[in-house]
Amino acid sequence: MENYRIYFEESERNEVVGILRKYNDVIIDNIDDTSVGITIERDDSGALYANILDEIDRFVYSARTHTGHNVNT
């Protein structure tokens, strides 16, 4: 059993929490505007956490609109 925190933008909160609720071995400990604390109740919690982050990256973070300055200039 391991504890983790996942950060997101306020507008992404519902999507991230929706993804986390699909997993039976994930307990949502607390949620605020820009992060969620979870506990993973499996021996291979690190592997499941990596899979969850990958899913969040593909379906939530990848949809972000990237505005701002080019860091390479």
PDB file of N, CA and C in Angstrom:
ATOM      1  N   MET A   1       0.846  -1.160   0.000  1.00  0.00           N
ATOM      2  CA  MET A   1       0.000   0.000   0.000  1.00  0.00           C
ATOM      3  C   MET A   1       0.904   1.240   0.000  1.00  0.00           C
ATOM      4  N   GLU A   2       0.673   2.108  -0.983  1.00  0.00           N
ATOM      5  CA  GLU A   2       1.479   3.329  -1.115  1.00  0.00           C
ATOM      6  C   GLU A   2       0.569   4.523  -1.342  1.00  0.00           C
ATOM      7  N   ASN A   3       1.040   5.692  -0.894  1.00  0.00           N
ATOM      8  CA  ASN A   3       0.305   6.943  -1.084  1.00  0.00           C
ATOM      9  C   ASN A   3       0.968   7.777  -2.167  1.00  0.00           C
ATOM     10  N   TYR A   4       0.143   8.440  -2.973  1.00  0.00           N
ATOM     11  CA  TYR A   4       0.633   9.272  -4.077  1.00  0.00           C
ATOM     12  C   TYR A   4      -0.216  10.537  -4.167  1.00  0.00           C
ATOM     13  N   ARG A   5       0.305  11.548  -4.834  1.00  0.00           N
ATOM     14  CA  ARG A   5      -0.444  12.767  -5.116  1.00  0.00           C
ATOM     15  C   ARG A   5      -0.310  13.061  -6.599  1.00  0.00           C
ATOM     16  N   ILE A   6      -1.434  13.378  -7.228  1.00  0.00           N
ATOM     17  CA  ILE A   6      -1.469  13.689  -8.652  1.00  0.00           C
ATOM     18  C   ILE A   6      -1.930  15.132  -8.796  1.00  0.00           C
ATOM     19  N   TYR A   7      -1.174  15.911  -9.560  1.00  0.00           N
ATOM     20  CA  TYR A   7      -1.473  17.330  -9.757  1.00  0.00           C
ATOM     21  C   TYR A   7      -2.097  17.566 -11.125  1.00  0.00           C
ATOM     22  N   PHE A   8      -2.955  18.569 -11.207  1.00  0.00           N
ATOM     23  CA  PHE A   8      -3.651  18.884 -12.444  1.00  0.00           C
ATOM     24  C   PHE A   8      -4.112  20.330 -12.388  1.00  0.00           C
ATOM     25  N   GLU A   9      -4.601  20.830 -13.510  1.00  0.00           N
ATOM     26  CA  GLU A   9      -5.194  22.157 -13.554  1.00  0.00           C
ATOM     27  C   GLU A   9      -6.639  22.051 -13.079  1.00  0.00           C
ATOM     28  N   GLU A  10      -7.181  23.136 -12.542  1.00  0.00           N
ATOM     29  CA  GLU A  10      -8.546  23.107 -11.997  1.00  0.00           C
ATOM     30  C   GLU A  10      -9.562  22.546 -12.984  1.00  0.00           C
ATOM     31  N   SER A  11      -9.445  22.914 -14.234  1.00  0.00           N
ATOM     32  CA  SER A  11     -10.408  22.469 -15.246  1.00  0.00           C
ATOM     33  C   SER A  11     -10.299  20.979 -15.561  1.00  0.00           C
ATOM     34  N   GLU A  12      -9.242  20.325 -15.122  1.00  0.00           N
ATOM     35  CA  GLU A  12      -9.013  18.905 -15.392  1.00  0.00           C
ATOM     36  C   GLU A  12      -9.459  17.997 -14.248  1.00  0.00           C
ATOM     37  N   ARG A  13      -9.896  18.589 -13.165  1.00  0.00           N
ATOM     38  CA  ARG A  13     -10.198  17.843 -11.939  1.00  0.00           C
ATOM     39  C   ARG A  13     -11.180  16.690 -12.185  1.00  0.00           C
ATOM     40  N   ASN A  14     -12.313  16.965 -12.794  1.00  0.00           N
ATOM     41  CA  ASN A  14     -13.332  15.917 -12.984  1.00  0.00           C
ATOM     42  C   ASN A  14     -12.826  14.776 -13.854  1.00  0.00           C
ATOM     43  N   GLU A  15     -12.059  15.088 -14.882  1.00  0.00           N
ATOM     44  CA  GLU A  15     -11.530  14.031 -15.752  1.00  0.00           C
ATOM     45  C   GLU A  15     -10.546  13.139 -15.007  1.00  0.00           C
ATOM     46  N   VAL A  16      -9.653  13.742 -14.220  1.00  0.00           N
ATOM     47  CA  VAL A  16      -8.663  12.966 -13.478  1.00  0.00           C
ATOM     48  C   VAL A  16      -9.358  12.087 -12.434  1.00  0.00           C
ATOM     49  N   VAL A  17     -10.289  12.657 -11.688  1.00  0.00           N
ATOM     50  CA  VAL A  17     -11.001  11.889 -10.671  1.00  0.00           C
ATOM     51  C   VAL A  17     -11.811  10.766 -11.320  1.00  0.00           C
ATOM     52  N   GLY A  18     -12.399  11.022 -12.475  1.00  0.00           N
ATOM     53  CA  GLY A  18     -13.130   9.984 -13.193  1.00  0.00           C
ATOM     54  C   GLY A  18     -12.254   8.805 -13.560  1.00  0.00           C
ATOM     55  N   ILE A  19     -11.044   9.088 -14.008  1.00  0.00           N
ATOM     56  CA  ILE A  19     -10.100   8.018 -14.334  1.00  0.00           C
ATOM     57  C   ILE A  19      -9.753   7.225 -13.075  1.00  0.00           C
ATOM     58  N   LEU A  20      -9.470   7.911 -11.981  1.00  0.00           N
ATOM     59  CA  LEU A  20      -9.088   7.228 -10.742  1.00  0.00           C
ATOM     60  C   LEU A  20     -10.209   6.336 -10.208  1.00  0.00           C
ATOM     61  N   ARG A  21     -11.436   6.743 -10.397  1.00  0.00           N
ATOM     62  CA  ARG A  21     -12.575   5.970  -9.881  1.00  0.00           C
ATOM     63  C   ARG A  21     -12.780   4.657 -10.632  1.00  0.00           C
ATOM     64  N   LYS A  22     -12.149   4.482 -11.764  1.00  0.00           N
ATOM     65  CA  LYS A  22     -12.257   3.226 -12.520  1.00  0.00           C
ATOM     66  C   LYS A  22     -11.473   2.094 -11.883  1.00  0.00           C
ATOM     67  N   TYR A  23     -10.532   2.423 -11.028  1.00  0.00           N
ATOM     68  CA  TYR A  23      -9.620   1.421 -10.468  1.00  0.00           C
ATOM     69  C   TYR A  23     -10.086   0.981  -9.078  1.00  0.00           C
ATOM     70  N   ASN A  24     -10.328  -0.316  -8.925  1.00  0.00           N
ATOM     71  CA  ASN A  24     -10.790  -0.856  -7.645  1.00  0.00           C
ATOM     72  C   ASN A  24      -9.744  -0.760  -6.542  1.00  0.00           C
ATOM     73  N   ASP A  25      -8.469  -0.773  -6.901  1.00  0.00           N
ATOM     74  CA  ASP A  25      -7.406  -0.768  -5.905  1.00  0.00           C
ATOM     75  C   ASP A  25      -6.934   0.632  -5.536  1.00  0.00           C
ATOM     76  N   VAL A  26      -7.633   1.661  -6.017  1.00  0.00           N
ATOM     77  CA  VAL A  26      -7.259   3.044  -5.735  1.00  0.00           C
ATOM     78  C   VAL A  26      -8.299   3.661  -4.805  1.00  0.00           C
ATOM     79  N   ILE A  27      -7.823   4.197  -3.687  1.00  0.00           N
ATOM     80  CA  ILE A  27      -8.679   4.912  -2.746  1.00  0.00           C
ATOM     81  C   ILE A  27      -8.335   6.389  -2.857  1.00  0.00           C
ATOM     82  N   ILE A  28      -9.340   7.210  -3.090  1.00  0.00           N
ATOM     83  CA  ILE A  28      -9.133   8.655  -3.140  1.00  0.00           C
ATOM     84  C   ILE A  28      -9.195   9.167  -1.705  1.00  0.00           C
ATOM     85  N   ASP A  29      -8.057   9.675  -1.218  1.00  0.00           N
ATOM     86  CA  ASP A  29      -7.958  10.124   0.170  1.00  0.00           C
ATOM     87  C   ASP A  29      -8.457  11.557   0.340  1.00  0.00           C
ATOM     88  N   ASN A  30      -8.044  12.436  -0.563  1.00  0.00           N
ATOM     89  CA  ASN A  30      -8.467  13.831  -0.486  1.00  0.00           C
ATOM     90  C   ASN A  30      -8.303  14.486  -1.846  1.00  0.00           C
ATOM     91  N   ILE A  31      -9.126  15.496  -2.073  1.00  0.00           N
ATOM     92  CA  ILE A  31      -9.113  16.217  -3.341  1.00  0.00           C
ATOM     93  C   ILE A  31      -9.153  17.706  -3.027  1.00  0.00           C
ATOM     94  N   ASP A  32      -8.319  18.479  -3.726  1.00  0.00           N
ATOM     95  CA  ASP A  32      -8.462  19.924  -3.673  1.00  0.00           C
ATOM     96  C   ASP A  32      -8.541  20.447  -5.104  1.00  0.00           C
ATOM     97  N   ASP A  33      -8.420  21.739  -5.288  1.00  0.00           N
ATOM     98  CA  ASP A  33      -8.616  22.317  -6.616  1.00  0.00           C
ATOM     99  C   ASP A  33      -7.589  21.867  -7.645  1.00  0.00           C
ATOM    100  N   THR A  34      -6.369  21.554  -7.215  1.00  0.00           N
ATOM    101  CA  THR A  34      -5.314  21.246  -8.175  1.00  0.00           C
ATOM    102  C   THR A  34      -4.569  19.943  -7.900  1.00  0.00           C
ATOM    103  N   SER A  35      -5.082  19.113  -6.995  1.00  0.00           N
ATOM    104  CA  SER A  35      -4.413  17.829  -6.759  1.00  0.00           C
ATOM    105  C   SER A  35      -5.361  16.854  -6.070  1.00  0.00           C
ATOM    106  N   VAL A  36      -4.979  15.599  -6.139  1.00  0.00           N
ATOM    107  CA  VAL A  36      -5.718  14.538  -5.467  1.00  0.00           C
ATOM    108  C   VAL A  36      -4.709  13.600  -4.808  1.00  0.00           C
ATOM    109  N   GLY A  37      -4.990  13.237  -3.556  1.00  0.00           N
ATOM    110  CA  GLY A  37      -4.169  12.267  -2.847  1.00  0.00           C
ATOM    111  C   GLY A  37      -4.827  10.910  -2.938  1.00  0.00           C
ATOM    112  N   ILE A  38      -4.047   9.896  -3.277  1.00  0.00           N
ATOM    113  CA  ILE A  38      -4.600   8.550  -3.429  1.00  0.00           C
ATOM    114  C   ILE A  38      -3.755   7.542  -2.660  1.00  0.00           C
ATOM    115  N   THR A  39      -4.378   6.431  -2.343  1.00  0.00           N
ATOM    116  CA  THR A  39      -3.680   5.267  -1.803  1.00  0.00           C
ATOM    117  C   THR A  39      -3.946   4.116  -2.754  1.00  0.00           C
ATOM    118  N   ILE A  40      -2.882   3.424  -3.148  1.00  0.00           N
ATOM    119  CA  ILE A  40      -3.007   2.241  -4.001  1.00  0.00           C
ATOM    120  C   ILE A  40      -2.759   1.020  -3.128  1.00  0.00           C
ATOM    121  N   GLU A  41      -3.751   0.155  -3.065  1.00  0.00           N
ATOM    122  CA  GLU A  41      -3.699  -1.019  -2.198  1.00  0.00           C
ATOM    123  C   GLU A  41      -3.339  -2.271  -2.993  1.00  0.00           C
ATOM    124  N   ARG A  42      -2.150  -2.282  -3.516  1.00  0.00           N
ATOM    125  CA  ARG A  42      -1.632  -3.451  -4.244  1.00  0.00           C
ATOM    126  C   ARG A  42      -0.148  -3.569  -3.978  1.00  0.00           C
ATOM    127  N   ASP A  43       0.355  -4.792  -4.093  1.00  0.00           N
ATOM    128  CA  ASP A  43       1.787  -4.994  -3.914  1.00  0.00           C
ATOM    129  C   ASP A  43       2.588  -4.308  -5.009  1.00  0.00           C
ATOM    130  N   ASP A  44       2.041  -4.269  -6.216  1.00  0.00           N
ATOM    131  CA  ASP A  44       2.735  -3.624  -7.334  1.00  0.00           C
ATOM    132  C   ASP A  44       2.194  -2.209  -7.560  1.00  0.00           C
ATOM    133  N   SER A  45       2.066  -1.436  -6.474  1.00  0.00           N
ATOM    134  CA  SER A  45       1.447  -0.112  -6.548  1.00  0.00           C
ATOM    135  C   SER A  45       2.206   0.823  -7.492  1.00  0.00           C
ATOM    136  N   GLY A  46       3.506   0.704  -7.558  1.00  0.00           N
ATOM    137  CA  GLY A  46       4.299   1.554  -8.449  1.00  0.00           C
ATOM    138  C   GLY A  46       3.940   1.333  -9.915  1.00  0.00           C
ATOM    139  N   ALA A  47       3.724   0.093 -10.283  1.00  0.00           N
ATOM    140  CA  ALA A  47       3.356  -0.218 -11.670  1.00  0.00           C
ATOM    141  C   ALA A  47       1.964   0.310 -11.988  1.00  0.00           C
ATOM    142  N   LEU A  48       1.027   0.147 -11.069  1.00  0.00           N
ATOM    143  CA  LEU A  48      -0.321   0.664 -11.301  1.00  0.00           C
ATOM    144  C   LEU A  48      -0.302   2.180 -11.369  1.00  0.00           C
ATOM    145  N   TYR A  49       0.464   2.818 -10.488  1.00  0.00           N
ATOM    146  CA  TYR A  49       0.586   4.281 -10.514  1.00  0.00           C
ATOM    147  C   TYR A  49       1.116   4.760 -11.865  1.00  0.00           C
ATOM    148  N   ALA A  50       2.118   4.084 -12.393  1.00  0.00           N
ATOM    149  CA  ALA A  50       2.662   4.441 -13.708  1.00  0.00           C
ATOM    150  C   ALA A  50       1.602   4.294 -14.796  1.00  0.00           C
ATOM    151  N   ASN A  51       0.804   3.233 -14.730  1.00  0.00           N
ATOM    152  CA  ASN A  51      -0.279   3.039 -15.707  1.00  0.00           C
ATOM    153  C   ASN A  51      -1.333   4.140 -15.596  1.00  0.00           C
ATOM    154  N   ILE A  52      -1.673   4.515 -14.371  1.00  0.00           N
ATOM    155  CA  ILE A  52      -2.650   5.581 -14.155  1.00  0.00           C
ATOM    156  C   ILE A  52      -2.133   6.895 -14.719  1.00  0.00           C
ATOM    157  N   LEU A  53      -0.878   7.222 -14.421  1.00  0.00           N
ATOM    158  CA  LEU A  53      -0.290   8.464 -14.942  1.00  0.00           C
ATOM    159  C   LEU A  53      -0.251   8.465 -16.460  1.00  0.00           C
ATOM    160  N   ASP A  54       0.023   7.313 -17.045  1.00  0.00           N
ATOM    161  CA  ASP A  54       0.035   7.207 -18.501  1.00  0.00           C
ATOM    162  C   ASP A  54      -1.360   7.478 -19.065  1.00  0.00           C
ATOM    163  N   GLU A  55      -2.379   6.914 -18.442  1.00  0.00           N
ATOM    164  CA  GLU A  55      -3.749   7.133 -18.904  1.00  0.00           C
ATOM    165  C   GLU A  55      -4.148   8.609 -18.751  1.00  0.00           C
ATOM    166  N   ILE A  56      -3.807   9.203 -17.615  1.00  0.00           N
ATOM    167  CA  ILE A  56      -4.111  10.621 -17.402  1.00  0.00           C
ATOM    168  C   ILE A  56      -3.368  11.476 -18.419  1.00  0.00           C
ATOM    169  N   ASP A  57      -2.133  11.136 -18.698  1.00  0.00           N
ATOM    170  CA  ASP A  57      -1.348  11.886 -19.683  1.00  0.00           C
ATOM    171  C   ASP A  57      -1.988  11.810 -21.065  1.00  0.00           C
ATOM    172  N   ARG A  58      -2.427  10.624 -21.459  1.00  0.00           N
ATOM    173  CA  ARG A  58      -3.014  10.439 -22.794  1.00  0.00           C
ATOM    174  C   ARG A  58      -4.366  11.128 -22.947  1.00  0.00           C
ATOM    175  N   PHE A  59      -5.201  11.064 -21.911  1.00  0.00           N
ATOM    176  CA  PHE A  59      -6.576  11.542 -22.052  1.00  0.00           C
ATOM    177  C   PHE A  59      -6.841  12.921 -21.459  1.00  0.00           C
ATOM    178  N   VAL A  60      -5.964  13.398 -20.591  1.00  0.00           N
ATOM    179  CA  VAL A  60      -6.206  14.691 -19.946  1.00  0.00           C
ATOM    180  C   VAL A  60      -5.109  15.688 -20.292  1.00  0.00           C
ATOM    181  N   TYR A  61      -3.882  15.395 -19.904  1.00  0.00           N
ATOM    182  CA  TYR A  61      -2.796  16.358 -20.088  1.00  0.00           C
ATOM    183  C   TYR A  61      -2.518  16.633 -21.564  1.00  0.00           C
ATOM    184  N   SER A  62      -2.659  15.641 -22.417  1.00  0.00           N
ATOM    185  CA  SER A  62      -2.377  15.828 -23.842  1.00  0.00           C
ATOM    186  C   SER A  62      -3.383  16.765 -24.498  1.00  0.00           C
ATOM    187  N   ALA A  63      -4.541  16.960 -23.868  1.00  0.00           N
ATOM    188  CA  ALA A  63      -5.565  17.847 -24.415  1.00  0.00           C
ATOM    189  C   ALA A  63      -5.350  19.306 -24.020  1.00  0.00           C
ATOM    190  N   ARG A  64      -4.350  19.564 -23.198  1.00  0.00           N
ATOM    191  CA  ARG A  64      -4.074  20.942 -22.783  1.00  0.00           C
ATOM    192  C   ARG A  64      -3.699  21.785 -23.988  1.00  0.00           C
ATOM    193  N   THR A  65      -4.151  23.009 -23.970  1.00  0.00           N
ATOM    194  CA  THR A  65      -3.697  23.947 -24.995  1.00  0.00           C
ATOM    195  C   THR A  65      -2.410  24.572 -24.490  1.00  0.00           C
ATOM    196  N   HIS A  66      -1.402  24.497 -25.286  1.00  0.00           N
ATOM    197  CA  HIS A  66      -0.088  24.997 -24.892  1.00  0.00           C
ATOM    198  C   HIS A  66       0.078  26.419 -25.398  1.00  0.00           C
ATOM    199  N   THR A  67       0.016  27.341 -24.455  1.00  0.00           N
ATOM    200  CA  THR A  67       0.247  28.745 -24.789  1.00  0.00           C
ATOM    201  C   THR A  67       1.408  29.229 -23.964  1.00  0.00           C
ATOM    202  N   GLY A  68       1.965  30.304 -24.390  1.00  0.00           N
ATOM    203  CA  GLY A  68       3.072  30.866 -23.644  1.00  0.00           C
ATOM    204  C   GLY A  68       4.282  31.062 -24.514  1.00  0.00           C
ATOM    205  N   HIS A  69       5.399  31.195 -23.878  1.00  0.00           N
ATOM    206  CA  HIS A  69       6.630  31.509 -24.586  1.00  0.00           C
ATOM    207  C   HIS A  69       7.398  30.255 -24.941  1.00  0.00           C
ATOM    208  N   ASN A  70       8.093  30.311 -26.022  1.00  0.00           N
ATOM    209  CA  ASN A  70       8.960  29.214 -26.412  1.00  0.00           C
ATOM    210  C   ASN A  70      10.200  29.281 -25.534  1.00  0.00           C
ATOM    211  N   VAL A  71      10.479  28.213 -24.787  1.00  0.00           N
ATOM    212  CA  VAL A  71      11.607  28.210 -23.872  1.00  0.00           C
ATOM    213  C   VAL A  71      12.949  28.121 -24.585  1.00  0.00           C
ATOM    214  N   ASN A  72      12.930  27.808 -25.866  1.00  0.00           N
ATOM    215  CA  ASN A  72      14.185  27.669 -26.599  1.00  0.00           C
ATOM    216  C   ASN A  72      14.680  28.957 -27.231  1.00  0.00           C
ATOM    217  N   THR A  73      13.944  30.051 -27.064  1.00  0.00           N
ATOM    218  CA  THR A  73      14.388  31.307 -27.670  1.00  0.00           C
ATOM    219  C   THR A  73      15.041  32.193 -26.667  1.00  0.00           C
TER     220      THR A  73
END
